[in-house]
Protein backbone atom coordinates (compact mmCIF):
# COMPACT_ATOMS: atom_id res chain seq x y z
CA MET A 1 3.42 30.59 -2.25
CA GLY A 2 6.24 27.93 -2.82
CA PRO A 3 7.12 25.26 -4.12
CA ALA A 4 5.11 22.74 -1.60
CA GLY A 5 2.23 24.77 -1.98
CA PRO A 6 0.15 26.32 0.50
CA ALA A 7 2.36 24.14 3.45
CA GLY A 8 5.80 24.13 3.86
CA PRO A 9 7.50 21.25 3.21
CA GLY A 10 7.20 18.44 5.47
CA ALA A 11 3.78 20.22 7.10
CA PRO A 12 0.37 17.96 6.59
CA GLY A 13 -0.94 19.36 2.66
CA ALA A 14 2.74 19.50 1.49
CA PRO A 15 3.34 16.82 -1.56
CA ALA A 16 5.97 14.18 -0.14
CA SER A 17 9.40 14.50 -1.00
CA TRP A 18 11.35 12.76 -3.25
CA GLY A 19 12.61 9.70 -0.93
CA LEU A 20 9.39 9.06 0.69
CA ARG A 21 8.13 8.83 -3.03
CA ALA A 22 11.13 6.50 -4.04
CA ALA A 23 10.66 4.54 -0.51
CA ALA A 24 7.07 3.57 -1.73
CA ARG A 25 6.88 2.44 -5.02
CA ILE A 26 9.57 0.65 -3.94
CA ILE A 27 7.32 -1.05 -1.61
CA ASP A 28 4.66 -1.67 -4.08
CA PHE A 29 6.49 -2.70 -6.33
CA VAL A 30 8.00 -6.06 -4.61
CA ILE A 31 4.47 -6.40 -3.08
CA VAL A 32 3.80 -6.44 -6.40
CA LEU A 33 6.51 -8.13 -7.86
CA LEU A 34 6.33 -11.50 -5.50
CA PRO A 35 3.79 -12.81 -6.16
CA ALA A 36 3.98 -11.68 -9.94
CA ASN A 37 6.57 -13.96 -9.68
CA LEU A 38 5.89 -16.75 -7.85
CA LEU A 39 2.92 -16.62 -11.27
CA VAL A 40 5.52 -17.43 -14.01
CA SER A 41 7.32 -19.72 -12.08
CA LEU A 42 4.22 -21.45 -11.01
CA VAL A 43 3.64 -21.10 -15.27
CA GLY A 44 7.25 -21.58 -16.20
CA THR A 45 9.54 -24.79 -17.03
CA GLU A 46 13.23 -25.56 -16.05
CA VAL A 47 15.48 -24.69 -19.00
CA ASP A 48 18.67 -25.31 -18.17
CA GLY A 49 18.55 -23.07 -14.70
CA ARG A 50 16.87 -20.70 -16.30
CA VAL A 51 12.53 -20.49 -15.81
CA GLU A 52 10.72 -20.45 -19.46
CA ALA A 53 7.42 -19.16 -19.44
CA PRO A 54 4.34 -18.61 -22.20
CA THR A 55 4.86 -14.50 -23.84
CA TRP A 56 1.29 -13.37 -21.56
CA ALA A 57 3.05 -14.27 -18.27
CA LEU A 58 5.73 -10.97 -19.13
CA LEU A 59 2.87 -8.66 -19.21
CA VAL A 60 1.87 -10.32 -15.47
CA PHE A 61 3.59 -7.59 -13.58
CA PRO A 62 2.27 -4.81 -15.22
CA VAL A 63 -0.94 -4.56 -15.38
CA THR A 64 -1.43 -6.37 -12.05
CA TYR A 65 0.50 -3.56 -10.62
CA MET A 66 -1.27 -0.74 -12.67
CA VAL A 67 -5.13 -2.37 -11.19
CA TYR A 68 -3.64 -2.42 -7.72
CA GLU A 69 -2.26 1.21 -8.27
CA THR A 70 -5.53 2.85 -10.33
CA VAL A 71 -7.77 0.54 -7.20
CA LEU A 72 -6.20 1.17 -4.81
CA ILE A 73 -5.40 4.95 -5.53
CA SER A 74 -8.84 5.45 -6.86
CA ARG A 75 -10.83 3.97 -3.39
CA THR A 76 -8.86 5.03 -0.56
CA GLY A 77 -5.90 7.62 -2.13
CA GLN A 78 -3.16 5.54 -0.32
CA THR A 79 -1.14 2.71 -2.09
CA LEU A 80 0.00 -0.27 0.73
CA GLY A 81 3.80 1.87 0.19
CA LYS A 82 2.27 5.23 0.45
CA PHE A 83 0.57 4.32 3.94
CA LEU A 84 3.38 2.87 5.47
CA CYS A 85 5.56 6.37 4.32
CA ARG A 86 2.50 8.33 5.48
CA ILE A 87 1.64 9.79 1.76
CA LYS A 88 -1.89 10.40 0.60
CA VAL A 89 -3.27 10.98 -2.73
CA VAL A 90 -5.41 13.70 -3.29
CA GLU A 91 -6.02 16.54 -5.67
CA TRP A 92 -4.70 20.18 -4.82
CA GLU A 93 -7.31 22.60 -5.23
CA SER A 94 -10.17 20.37 -3.80
CA GLY A 95 -8.23 16.83 -1.40
CA ASP A 96 -10.52 15.07 -3.73
CA LEU A 97 -9.46 11.75 -4.28
CA PRO A 98 -8.52 10.92 -7.86
CA THR A 99 -11.33 9.32 -9.95
CA PRO A 100 -10.47 6.16 -11.46
CA ALA A 101 -9.55 7.58 -14.66
CA GLU A 102 -6.62 9.67 -12.98
CA ALA A 103 -5.74 6.59 -11.20
CA PHE A 104 -4.39 4.99 -13.88
CA VAL A 105 -2.54 7.75 -15.36
CA ARG A 106 -0.38 7.99 -12.35
CA ALA A 107 -0.17 4.61 -12.05
CA ILE A 108 0.95 4.23 -16.33
CA VAL A 109 2.99 7.50 -16.68
CA PRO A 110 6.01 6.12 -14.51
CA GLY A 111 5.74 3.28 -16.79
């Protein structure tokens, strides 16, 4: 077996390429970032051309992203970005979906 596991690169069951993973993550960031920025802009005030928001608003994006990733990965194995890039997260040996704890670790590690 090579680094791609039992299936060759690009074959069903093989790990996704770095490019596809990056594209899926960028799509997911945009999906979460837009509503998070809207919320921050609604609670913030404009001062000298900048939006100043309460300190708790700094946590809106990271917390929302962790919840988004954890819930979708543990329920379906895919976020919207992964779905669009045709990537699914499963356990290597059994093919089962990750548990919520495993999905949370997957979400928090890149951060």
